[in-house]
N, C-alpha and C. Protein backbone atom coordinates (compact mmCIF):
# COMPACT_ATOMS: atom_id res chain seq x y z
N MET A 1 76.22 20.99 -37.66
CA MET A 1 74.96 21.61 -37.84
C MET A 1 73.68 20.70 -37.75
N SER A 2 72.68 21.01 -36.86
CA SER A 2 71.75 20.36 -36.51
C SER A 2 69.96 20.71 -37.71
N LEU A 3 69.92 20.02 -37.54
CA LEU A 3 68.25 20.20 -38.22
C LEU A 3 67.28 21.73 -37.67
N PHE A 4 67.50 21.75 -36.34
CA PHE A 4 67.07 22.68 -35.66
C PHE A 4 67.48 24.33 -36.44
N GLU A 5 69.03 24.20 -36.42
CA GLU A 5 69.73 25.20 -36.63
C GLU A 5 69.47 25.55 -38.19
N MET A 6 69.40 24.63 -38.86
CA MET A 6 69.03 24.88 -40.63
C MET A 6 67.26 25.08 -40.65
N ILE A 7 66.46 24.64 -39.82
CA ILE A 7 65.19 25.42 -39.87
C ILE A 7 65.28 26.56 -39.11
N GLY A 8 65.94 26.82 -38.11
CA GLY A 8 65.48 28.19 -37.84
C GLY A 8 64.88 28.44 -36.28
N LEU A 9 65.41 27.22 -35.40
CA LEU A 9 63.87 26.96 -34.25
C LEU A 9 65.32 26.92 -33.10
N ASP A 10 65.28 27.48 -32.59
CA ASP A 10 65.78 27.41 -30.64
C ASP A 10 65.81 25.98 -30.57
N MET A 11 66.42 25.56 -29.80
CA MET A 11 66.47 24.18 -28.86
C MET A 11 65.76 24.66 -27.66
N GLY A 12 65.60 25.69 -26.93
CA GLY A 12 65.08 25.93 -25.85
C GLY A 12 63.65 25.66 -26.14
N TYR A 13 63.29 26.20 -27.44
CA TYR A 13 61.86 26.34 -27.49
C TYR A 13 61.57 25.15 -27.78
N VAL A 14 61.98 24.31 -28.33
CA VAL A 14 61.57 23.08 -28.95
C VAL A 14 61.31 21.90 -27.35
N LEU A 15 61.96 22.24 -26.71
CA LEU A 15 62.58 21.28 -25.68
C LEU A 15 61.34 22.14 -24.63
N ILE A 16 60.89 23.63 -24.59
CA ILE A 16 59.51 24.01 -23.44
C ILE A 16 58.39 23.70 -24.24
N GLY A 17 58.33 23.37 -25.74
CA GLY A 17 57.15 23.22 -25.89
C GLY A 17 56.63 21.57 -25.90
N SER A 18 58.25 21.06 -25.80
CA SER A 18 57.61 19.22 -25.78
C SER A 18 57.16 19.04 -24.36
N ILE A 19 57.87 19.85 -23.42
CA ILE A 19 57.94 20.10 -21.60
C ILE A 19 56.00 19.75 -21.54
N VAL A 20 55.66 21.27 -22.32
CA VAL A 20 54.49 21.86 -22.12
C VAL A 20 53.20 20.81 -22.67
N PHE A 21 53.90 20.00 -23.92
CA PHE A 21 52.89 19.29 -24.80
C PHE A 21 52.73 17.84 -23.38
N SER A 22 54.10 17.02 -22.94
CA SER A 22 53.92 16.06 -22.70
C SER A 22 52.72 16.57 -21.11
N LEU A 23 53.06 18.21 -20.47
CA LEU A 23 52.02 17.75 -19.38
C LEU A 23 50.56 17.68 -19.55
N LEU A 24 50.80 18.42 -20.93
CA LEU A 24 48.90 18.31 -21.41
C LEU A 24 48.62 16.86 -21.56
N LEU A 25 49.45 15.73 -21.93
CA LEU A 25 48.84 15.28 -21.95
C LEU A 25 49.02 13.90 -20.73
N LEU A 26 49.99 14.61 -19.71
CA LEU A 26 49.58 13.87 -18.54
C LEU A 26 48.47 14.24 -18.07
N ILE A 27 48.27 15.49 -17.96
CA ILE A 27 46.91 16.00 -17.39
C ILE A 27 45.66 15.08 -18.01
N LEU A 28 45.97 15.24 -19.27
CA LEU A 28 44.83 14.47 -20.26
C LEU A 28 44.47 12.93 -19.70
N VAL A 29 45.71 12.20 -19.34
CA VAL A 29 45.91 10.70 -18.81
C VAL A 29 45.23 10.45 -17.42
N ILE A 30 45.18 11.40 -16.78
CA ILE A 30 44.94 11.76 -15.28
C ILE A 30 42.91 11.94 -14.90
N VAL A 31 42.95 12.97 -16.05
CA VAL A 31 41.43 13.60 -15.87
C VAL A 31 40.88 11.77 -16.79
N LEU A 32 41.04 11.40 -17.30
CA LEU A 32 41.03 10.29 -18.09
C LEU A 32 40.77 9.23 -17.19
N PHE A 33 41.39 8.88 -16.78
CA PHE A 33 41.90 7.88 -15.33
C PHE A 33 40.76 8.13 -14.17
N CYS A 34 40.81 9.53 -14.33
CA CYS A 34 39.47 9.49 -12.99
C CYS A 34 37.98 9.37 -13.25
N LYS A 35 38.10 9.56 -14.74
CA LYS A 35 36.83 9.53 -15.22
C LYS A 35 36.46 7.69 -15.49
N ASN A 36 37.28 7.11 -15.89
CA ASN A 36 37.01 5.90 -15.94
C ASN A 36 36.92 4.94 -14.69
N ASN A 37 37.54 5.49 -13.54
CA ASN A 37 37.60 5.20 -12.11
C ASN A 37 35.79 5.22 -11.79
N LYS A 38 35.35 6.66 -12.08
CA LYS A 38 33.99 6.80 -11.80
C LYS A 38 33.12 6.30 -12.23
N LEU A 39 33.40 5.65 -13.93
CA LEU A 39 32.46 5.09 -14.58
C LEU A 39 32.57 3.53 -14.02
N ASN A 40 33.69 3.31 -13.66
CA ASN A 40 33.98 1.44 -13.20
C ASN A 40 32.56 1.55 -11.96
N LYS A 41 32.68 2.44 -11.29
CA LYS A 41 32.16 2.51 -9.34
C LYS A 41 30.67 2.49 -10.14
N ARG A 42 30.20 3.40 -10.86
CA ARG A 42 28.45 3.39 -11.51
C ARG A 42 28.46 2.04 -12.08
N TYR A 43 29.08 1.58 -12.74
CA TYR A 43 29.31 0.27 -13.57
C TYR A 43 28.61 -0.85 -12.23
N ASP A 44 29.61 -0.77 -11.32
CA ASP A 44 29.38 -1.69 -10.34
C ASP A 44 28.18 -1.83 -9.83
N ALA A 45 27.89 -0.44 -9.25
CA ALA A 45 26.60 -0.12 -8.60
C ALA A 45 25.49 -0.97 -9.29
N PHE A 46 25.50 -0.23 -10.78
CA PHE A 46 24.57 -1.28 -11.47
C PHE A 46 23.96 -2.55 -11.61
N MET A 47 25.43 -3.55 -11.32
CA MET A 47 25.54 -4.68 -11.72
C MET A 47 25.03 -5.19 -10.23
N LYS A 48 24.90 -4.72 -9.48
CA LYS A 48 24.93 -5.11 -8.27
C LYS A 48 23.28 -4.62 -7.37
N ASP A 49 22.61 -5.50 -7.28
CA ASP A 49 21.44 -4.80 -6.81
C ASP A 49 21.61 -4.95 -5.16
N THR A 50 20.17 -4.61 -4.09
CA THR A 50 20.90 -4.06 -2.95
C THR A 50 21.24 -5.70 -2.04
N GLU A 51 21.16 -6.26 -2.55
CA GLU A 51 21.61 -7.40 -1.96
C GLU A 51 22.98 -8.48 -1.76
N GLY A 52 23.49 -7.30 -3.07
CA GLY A 52 24.57 -7.82 -3.52
C GLY A 52 24.44 -9.13 -4.42
N VAL A 53 23.51 -9.46 -5.04
CA VAL A 53 23.52 -10.05 -6.26
C VAL A 53 23.66 -9.43 -7.51
N SER A 54 24.79 -10.05 -8.49
CA SER A 54 24.72 -9.59 -9.72
C SER A 54 23.25 -9.51 -10.41
N LEU A 55 23.51 -8.58 -11.74
CA LEU A 55 22.50 -8.05 -12.40
C LEU A 55 22.59 -9.79 -12.93
N GLU A 56 23.39 -9.85 -13.50
CA GLU A 56 23.68 -10.94 -14.89
C GLU A 56 23.26 -12.62 -14.10
N GLN A 57 23.65 -12.68 -12.69
CA GLN A 57 22.82 -13.58 -11.78
C GLN A 57 21.22 -13.58 -12.17
N ALA A 58 20.84 -12.54 -11.50
CA ALA A 58 19.53 -11.84 -11.57
C ALA A 58 18.58 -12.60 -12.55
N PHE A 59 19.58 -11.69 -13.87
CA PHE A 59 18.76 -12.58 -15.51
C PHE A 59 18.93 -13.65 -15.58
N THR A 60 20.12 -14.42 -15.23
CA THR A 60 20.05 -16.32 -15.12
C THR A 60 18.50 -16.85 -14.63
N LYS A 61 18.56 -16.29 -12.86
CA LYS A 61 17.48 -16.80 -12.76
C LYS A 61 16.38 -16.83 -13.50
N LYS A 62 15.82 -15.65 -13.70
CA LYS A 62 14.61 -14.90 -14.42
C LYS A 62 14.52 -15.67 -15.85
N PHE A 63 15.20 -15.98 -16.52
CA PHE A 63 15.50 -16.75 -17.89
C PHE A 63 15.46 -18.18 -17.09
N ASP A 64 15.86 -18.37 -16.17
CA ASP A 64 15.61 -20.36 -16.17
C ASP A 64 14.10 -20.14 -15.48
N ALA A 65 13.57 -19.47 -14.71
CA ALA A 65 12.30 -19.39 -14.06
C ALA A 65 11.04 -19.38 -15.38
N MET A 66 11.91 -17.96 -16.43
CA MET A 66 10.90 -18.41 -17.66
C MET A 66 11.12 -19.62 -18.43
N ASP A 67 12.02 -20.38 -18.42
CA ASP A 67 12.09 -21.29 -19.16
C ASP A 67 11.21 -22.72 -18.65
N GLY A 68 11.23 -22.31 -16.90
CA GLY A 68 10.21 -23.15 -16.60
C GLY A 68 8.87 -23.16 -16.65
N LEU A 69 8.50 -22.07 -16.52
CA LEU A 69 7.40 -21.65 -17.05
C LEU A 69 6.46 -22.17 -18.35
N ILE A 70 7.40 -22.06 -19.44
CA ILE A 70 7.34 -22.00 -20.26
C ILE A 70 7.03 -24.07 -20.28
N ALA A 71 8.00 -24.37 -19.76
CA ALA A 71 8.04 -26.33 -19.93
C ALA A 71 6.36 -26.75 -18.85
N LYS A 72 5.92 -25.90 -18.36
CA LYS A 72 5.04 -25.98 -17.48
C LYS A 72 3.54 -25.56 -18.56
N ALA A 73 3.92 -24.53 -19.56
CA ALA A 73 2.56 -23.97 -19.99
C ALA A 73 2.35 -25.23 -21.17
N LYS A 74 3.64 -25.62 -21.61
CA LYS A 74 3.61 -26.77 -22.66
C LYS A 74 2.88 -27.85 -22.42
N LYS A 75 2.73 -28.41 -20.89
CA LYS A 75 2.23 -29.34 -20.23
C LYS A 75 0.78 -29.28 -20.00
N THR A 76 0.92 -27.93 -20.10
CA THR A 76 -0.80 -27.72 -19.54
C THR A 76 -1.88 -27.53 -20.81
N ASP A 77 -0.74 -26.97 -21.88
CA ASP A 77 -1.42 -26.97 -23.66
C ASP A 77 -1.80 -28.82 -23.66
N GLN A 78 -1.07 -29.57 -23.34
CA GLN A 78 -1.17 -30.98 -23.54
C GLN A 78 -1.91 -31.83 -22.84
N ARG A 79 -1.95 -31.13 -21.29
CA ARG A 79 -3.38 -31.82 -20.31
C ARG A 79 -4.54 -31.33 -21.16
N LEU A 80 -5.11 -29.87 -21.11
CA LEU A 80 -6.14 -29.28 -21.49
C LEU A 80 -6.42 -29.65 -22.97
N ALA A 81 -5.45 -30.39 -23.59
CA ALA A 81 -6.28 -31.27 -25.19
C ALA A 81 -6.92 -32.52 -24.92
N THR A 82 -5.87 -33.06 -23.71
CA THR A 82 -6.65 -34.06 -23.30
C THR A 82 -7.79 -34.39 -22.20
N ILE A 83 -7.76 -33.06 -21.93
CA ILE A 83 -9.34 -33.06 -21.41
C ILE A 83 -10.72 -32.72 -22.43
N GLU A 84 -10.22 -31.83 -22.98
CA GLU A 84 -10.98 -31.30 -24.26
C GLU A 84 -11.57 -32.81 -25.20
N GLU A 85 -10.47 -33.84 -25.37
CA GLU A 85 -10.93 -34.83 -26.24
C GLU A 85 -12.18 -35.72 -25.12
N THR A 86 -11.74 -36.13 -24.16
CA THR A 86 -12.16 -36.46 -23.33
C THR A 86 -13.58 -35.77 -23.25
N LEU A 87 -13.69 -34.73 -22.83
CA LEU A 87 -15.22 -33.86 -23.16
C LEU A 87 -15.76 -34.16 -23.94
N LEU A 88 -15.31 -34.33 -25.00
CA LEU A 88 -16.47 -34.67 -26.19
C LEU A 88 -17.22 -35.64 -26.22
N THR A 89 -16.59 -36.96 -25.76
CA THR A 89 -17.35 -38.02 -25.62
C THR A 89 -17.90 -38.23 -23.88
N ALA A 90 -17.71 -37.08 -23.20
CA ALA A 90 -18.48 -37.35 -22.01
C ALA A 90 -19.82 -36.62 -22.65
N TYR A 91 -21.25 -37.25 -21.36
CA TYR A 91 -22.47 -36.86 -21.50
C TYR A 91 -22.52 -35.27 -21.03
N GLN A 92 -23.15 -34.70 -21.27
CA GLN A 92 -23.24 -32.77 -21.33
C GLN A 92 -24.20 -32.48 -21.75
N LYS A 93 -24.98 -33.28 -22.46
CA LYS A 93 -26.54 -32.64 -22.82
C LYS A 93 -27.68 -33.31 -21.95
N ILE A 94 -28.21 -32.80 -21.31
CA ILE A 94 -29.58 -32.99 -20.48
C ILE A 94 -30.56 -32.98 -20.52
N GLY A 95 -31.21 -33.51 -20.86
CA GLY A 95 -32.93 -32.97 -20.89
C GLY A 95 -33.75 -34.15 -20.10
N ILE A 96 -34.71 -33.76 -19.14
CA ILE A 96 -35.41 -34.46 -18.32
C ILE A 96 -36.76 -34.03 -18.89
N VAL A 97 -38.14 -34.68 -18.44
CA VAL A 97 -39.15 -34.38 -18.19
C VAL A 97 -39.87 -35.58 -17.24
N LYS A 98 -40.75 -34.29 -16.68
CA LYS A 98 -40.96 -35.31 -15.10
C LYS A 98 -42.79 -35.32 -15.98
N TYR A 99 -43.66 -36.40 -15.13
CA TYR A 99 -45.06 -36.10 -16.32
C TYR A 99 -45.73 -37.48 -15.40
N ASP A 100 -46.99 -37.82 -15.09
CA ASP A 100 -47.37 -38.77 -14.04
C ASP A 100 -47.77 -40.00 -15.63
N ALA A 101 -47.29 -41.14 -15.33
CA ALA A 101 -47.30 -42.11 -16.53
C ALA A 101 -49.00 -42.49 -16.29
N PHE A 102 -49.20 -43.04 -15.61
CA PHE A 102 -50.98 -43.86 -15.42
C PHE A 102 -51.91 -42.67 -14.70
N HIS A 103 -51.86 -40.97 -14.88
CA HIS A 103 -52.62 -40.60 -14.36
C HIS A 103 -53.54 -40.55 -13.72
N GLU A 104 -52.64 -41.50 -12.14
CA GLU A 104 -53.18 -41.76 -10.75
C GLU A 104 -52.95 -40.55 -10.29
N MET A 105 -53.64 -40.47 -9.19
CA MET A 105 -53.67 -39.47 -8.07
C MET A 105 -51.98 -40.02 -6.84
N GLY A 106 -51.21 -38.81 -6.93
CA GLY A 106 -49.59 -38.93 -6.42
C GLY A 106 -49.29 -38.46 -6.98
N GLY A 107 -49.17 -37.44 -8.21
CA GLY A 107 -47.79 -36.66 -8.29
C GLY A 107 -47.39 -37.27 -9.11
N LYS A 108 -46.88 -36.45 -9.99
CA LYS A 108 -46.10 -36.42 -11.45
C LYS A 108 -44.59 -37.30 -11.05
N LEU A 109 -44.28 -38.73 -10.53
CA LEU A 109 -42.76 -39.43 -10.08
C LEU A 109 -42.63 -40.42 -11.36
N SER A 110 -42.86 -39.73 -12.36
CA SER A 110 -42.37 -40.72 -13.12
C SER A 110 -41.89 -39.66 -14.55
N PHE A 111 -40.76 -40.36 -15.07
CA PHE A 111 -39.95 -39.50 -15.52
C PHE A 111 -39.00 -39.59 -16.70
N SER A 112 -38.91 -38.98 -18.09
CA SER A 112 -37.64 -39.59 -19.16
C SER A 112 -36.55 -38.52 -18.68
N LEU A 113 -35.21 -39.36 -18.50
CA LEU A 113 -34.12 -38.44 -19.11
C LEU A 113 -33.75 -39.07 -19.81
N ALA A 114 -32.64 -38.04 -20.66
CA ALA A 114 -31.92 -38.25 -21.81
C ALA A 114 -30.22 -37.56 -21.48
N LEU A 115 -29.39 -38.44 -21.52
CA LEU A 115 -27.75 -37.72 -21.50
C LEU A 115 -27.08 -38.10 -22.71
N LEU A 116 -26.76 -37.17 -23.61
CA LEU A 116 -26.08 -37.60 -24.29
C LEU A 116 -24.95 -36.36 -24.61
N ASP A 117 -23.76 -36.73 -25.59
CA ASP A 117 -22.08 -36.31 -25.68
C ASP A 117 -22.53 -35.20 -26.90
N ASP A 118 -21.40 -34.62 -27.31
CA ASP A 118 -21.10 -33.39 -28.07
C ASP A 118 -21.81 -33.90 -29.48
N LYS A 119 -21.87 -35.29 -29.74
CA LYS A 119 -22.34 -35.45 -31.15
C LYS A 119 -23.83 -36.35 -30.94
N ASN A 120 -24.73 -36.42 -29.73
CA ASN A 120 -25.76 -36.14 -29.37
C ASN A 120 -26.12 -37.76 -29.58
N ASN A 121 -25.22 -38.74 -28.93
CA ASN A 121 -24.69 -39.51 -29.03
C ASN A 121 -25.38 -40.08 -27.52
N GLY A 122 -25.59 -41.19 -26.83
CA GLY A 122 -25.78 -41.27 -25.42
C GLY A 122 -26.94 -42.14 -25.28
N PHE A 123 -28.11 -41.99 -24.23
CA PHE A 123 -29.10 -43.04 -23.45
C PHE A 123 -30.19 -42.32 -23.37
N LEU A 124 -31.03 -42.93 -23.07
CA LEU A 124 -32.16 -42.51 -22.44
C LEU A 124 -33.08 -43.30 -21.39
N ILE A 125 -33.38 -42.95 -20.29
CA ILE A 125 -33.56 -43.57 -19.35
C ILE A 125 -35.61 -43.37 -18.80
N ASN A 126 -36.12 -44.35 -19.07
CA ASN A 126 -37.78 -43.89 -19.33
C ASN A 126 -38.12 -44.49 -17.46
N CYS A 127 -38.40 -44.06 -16.70
CA CYS A 127 -38.92 -44.48 -15.40
C CYS A 127 -40.30 -44.05 -15.13
N MET A 128 -41.49 -45.11 -15.26
CA MET A 128 -42.88 -44.89 -14.95
C MET A 128 -43.22 -45.65 -13.79
N HIS A 129 -44.04 -44.65 -12.48
CA HIS A 129 -44.37 -45.24 -11.48
C HIS A 129 -45.79 -45.34 -11.44
N SER A 130 -45.80 -46.11 -10.65
CA SER A 130 -47.28 -46.77 -10.30
C SER A 130 -47.55 -46.50 -8.74
N THR A 131 -48.89 -46.25 -8.93
CA THR A 131 -48.69 -46.33 -6.77
C THR A 131 -49.21 -47.84 -6.67
N ARG A 132 -50.26 -48.58 -7.49
CA ARG A 132 -50.49 -49.55 -7.33
C ARG A 132 -49.64 -51.03 -7.59
N GLU A 133 -48.68 -50.53 -8.95
CA GLU A 133 -47.62 -52.19 -9.41
C GLU A 133 -46.24 -51.34 -9.37
N GLY A 134 -45.96 -50.54 -8.69
CA GLY A 134 -44.63 -49.95 -8.78
C GLY A 134 -44.14 -49.38 -9.53
N CYS A 135 -43.15 -49.48 -9.86
CA CYS A 135 -41.93 -48.83 -10.88
C CYS A 135 -41.35 -49.68 -12.23
N TYR A 136 -41.95 -49.10 -13.13
CA TYR A 136 -41.06 -49.33 -14.19
C TYR A 136 -39.75 -48.88 -14.67
N THR A 137 -38.90 -48.90 -15.27
CA THR A 137 -37.13 -48.63 -15.50
C THR A 137 -36.78 -49.05 -17.22
N TYR A 138 -36.41 -48.53 -18.24
CA TYR A 138 -36.36 -48.55 -19.73
C TYR A 138 -35.18 -48.09 -19.72
N ILE A 139 -34.21 -48.45 -20.44
CA ILE A 139 -33.36 -47.84 -20.89
C ILE A 139 -33.33 -47.69 -22.32
N LYS A 140 -33.05 -46.89 -23.50
CA LYS A 140 -32.74 -46.79 -24.66
C LYS A 140 -31.45 -45.91 -25.55
N GLU A 141 -31.42 -47.06 -26.77
CA GLU A 141 -29.96 -46.04 -26.86
C GLU A 141 -30.12 -45.15 -27.77
N VAL A 142 -29.31 -43.51 -27.85
CA VAL A 142 -29.56 -42.89 -28.94
C VAL A 142 -27.98 -42.54 -29.41
N GLU A 143 -28.85 -43.17 -30.72
CA GLU A 143 -27.49 -42.25 -31.95
C GLU A 143 -27.55 -40.84 -32.79
N ASN A 144 -26.82 -39.77 -32.51
CA ASN A 144 -27.32 -38.99 -33.31
C ASN A 144 -28.33 -38.45 -33.04
N GLY A 145 -29.07 -38.19 -31.93
CA GLY A 145 -30.11 -37.41 -31.64
C GLY A 145 -31.50 -37.97 -31.82
N GLU A 146 -31.10 -39.48 -32.15
CA GLU A 146 -32.60 -40.40 -33.20
C GLU A 146 -32.44 -41.92 -31.62
N CYS A 147 -33.21 -42.24 -31.64
CA CYS A 147 -34.03 -43.67 -31.42
C CYS A 147 -34.46 -44.97 -32.38
N SER A 148 -33.80 -45.81 -32.42
CA SER A 148 -34.17 -46.56 -33.40
C SER A 148 -35.64 -47.26 -32.52
N VAL A 149 -35.97 -47.33 -31.35
CA VAL A 149 -37.27 -47.76 -30.93
C VAL A 149 -37.88 -46.94 -30.59
N ILE A 150 -38.86 -47.21 -30.91
CA ILE A 150 -40.58 -46.42 -30.79
C ILE A 150 -40.20 -45.24 -29.58
N LEU A 151 -40.96 -44.57 -29.66
CA LEU A 151 -40.97 -43.32 -27.98
C LEU A 151 -42.20 -42.98 -27.83
N ALA A 152 -42.14 -42.89 -26.41
CA ALA A 152 -43.58 -41.82 -25.90
C ALA A 152 -43.10 -40.22 -26.04
N GLU A 153 -44.22 -39.65 -25.97
CA GLU A 153 -43.76 -38.64 -26.66
C GLU A 153 -43.01 -37.82 -24.99
N GLU A 154 -43.19 -38.22 -24.28
CA GLU A 154 -42.10 -37.75 -23.06
C GLU A 154 -40.80 -38.16 -23.16
N GLU A 155 -40.45 -39.13 -24.19
CA GLU A 155 -39.30 -39.70 -24.06
C GLU A 155 -38.37 -38.75 -25.13
N LYS A 156 -39.47 -38.61 -26.44
CA LYS A 156 -38.92 -37.24 -27.37
C LYS A 156 -38.48 -36.09 -26.87
N GLN A 157 -39.48 -35.41 -25.95
CA GLN A 157 -39.17 -34.46 -25.41
C GLN A 157 -37.91 -34.11 -24.84
N ALA A 158 -37.80 -35.22 -23.71
CA ALA A 158 -36.23 -34.80 -23.13
C ALA A 158 -35.34 -35.13 -24.65
N ILE A 159 -35.25 -35.71 -25.23
CA ILE A 159 -34.34 -35.84 -26.13
C ILE A 159 -34.20 -34.61 -26.95
N ASP A 160 -35.36 -33.97 -27.17
CA ASP A 160 -35.23 -32.83 -28.02
C ASP A 160 -34.43 -31.42 -27.05
N MET A 161 -34.68 -31.66 -25.37
CA MET A 161 -34.50 -30.92 -24.78
C MET A 161 -32.74 -30.93 -24.51
N ALA A 162 -32.34 -31.99 -24.62
CA ALA A 162 -30.86 -32.46 -24.48
C ALA A 162 -30.11 -32.17 -25.74
N VAL A 163 -30.68 -32.23 -26.79
CA VAL A 163 -30.63 -32.28 -28.61
C VAL A 163 -30.30 -30.53 -28.30
N GLY A 164 -31.37 -30.00 -27.91
CA GLY A 164 -31.28 -28.57 -27.59
C GLY A 164 -30.61 -27.65 -26.61
N ASN A 165 -30.04 -28.93 -25.46
CA ASN A 165 -29.26 -27.96 -24.94
C ASN A 165 -29.92 -27.16 -23.97
N HIS A 166 -31.35 -27.51 -23.51
CA HIS A 166 -32.28 -26.72 -22.60
C HIS A 166 -32.10 -27.41 -21.58
N SER A 167 -31.42 -27.48 -20.67
CA SER A 167 -31.14 -28.27 -19.14
C SER A 167 -32.09 -27.91 -18.04
N ASN A 168 -33.51 -28.10 -18.58
CA ASN A 168 -34.01 -27.91 -17.53
C ASN A 168 -35.38 -28.64 -17.09
N ILE A 169 -35.61 -28.93 -16.40
CA ILE A 169 -36.84 -29.72 -15.54
C ILE A 169 -38.25 -29.04 -16.49
N GLN A 170 -38.88 -30.33 -17.05
CA GLN A 170 -40.64 -29.79 -17.99
C GLN A 170 -41.16 -30.87 -16.84
N HIS A 171 -42.31 -29.94 -16.91
CA HIS A 171 -43.75 -31.23 -16.02
C HIS A 171 -44.53 -31.00 -17.04
N ILE A 172 -44.67 -32.41 -17.36
CA ILE A 172 -46.40 -32.50 -18.19
C ILE A 172 -47.57 -33.17 -17.18
């Protein structure tokens, strides 16, 4: 006596059920195989651009380019820091006063020129012009906006103009 007879099942029904179940599984496998192929084709199309370059290669190129830009930005920041440091010692404040030193006819050809850095250190040039005696030029050192030598009124005005960073020409 077989197991099927003890349960009361006919062997033909079991065989037909197994065949139907196997056919359903075969159909399911075929459907899944078709969907998988379609998905693979879509994936391949997505991973390649119009020129046939893979998306992975395109990403790699972009990341390499980005790394290059980051390195350039770091170099640029370092160069800017150096320029900013140098700029603090450069003469960036200017004051100039034109005047007639000897009250003669012939115009205001004398001048006082102050050139100062960010900390108001620099120098003052005073050029006094005379039509009879020629031209005299003096230079005086300026520290923290002050000069240790006695200054003429025009020289004081040039320093004040430079310290106040009013870089225009004043005529007296």
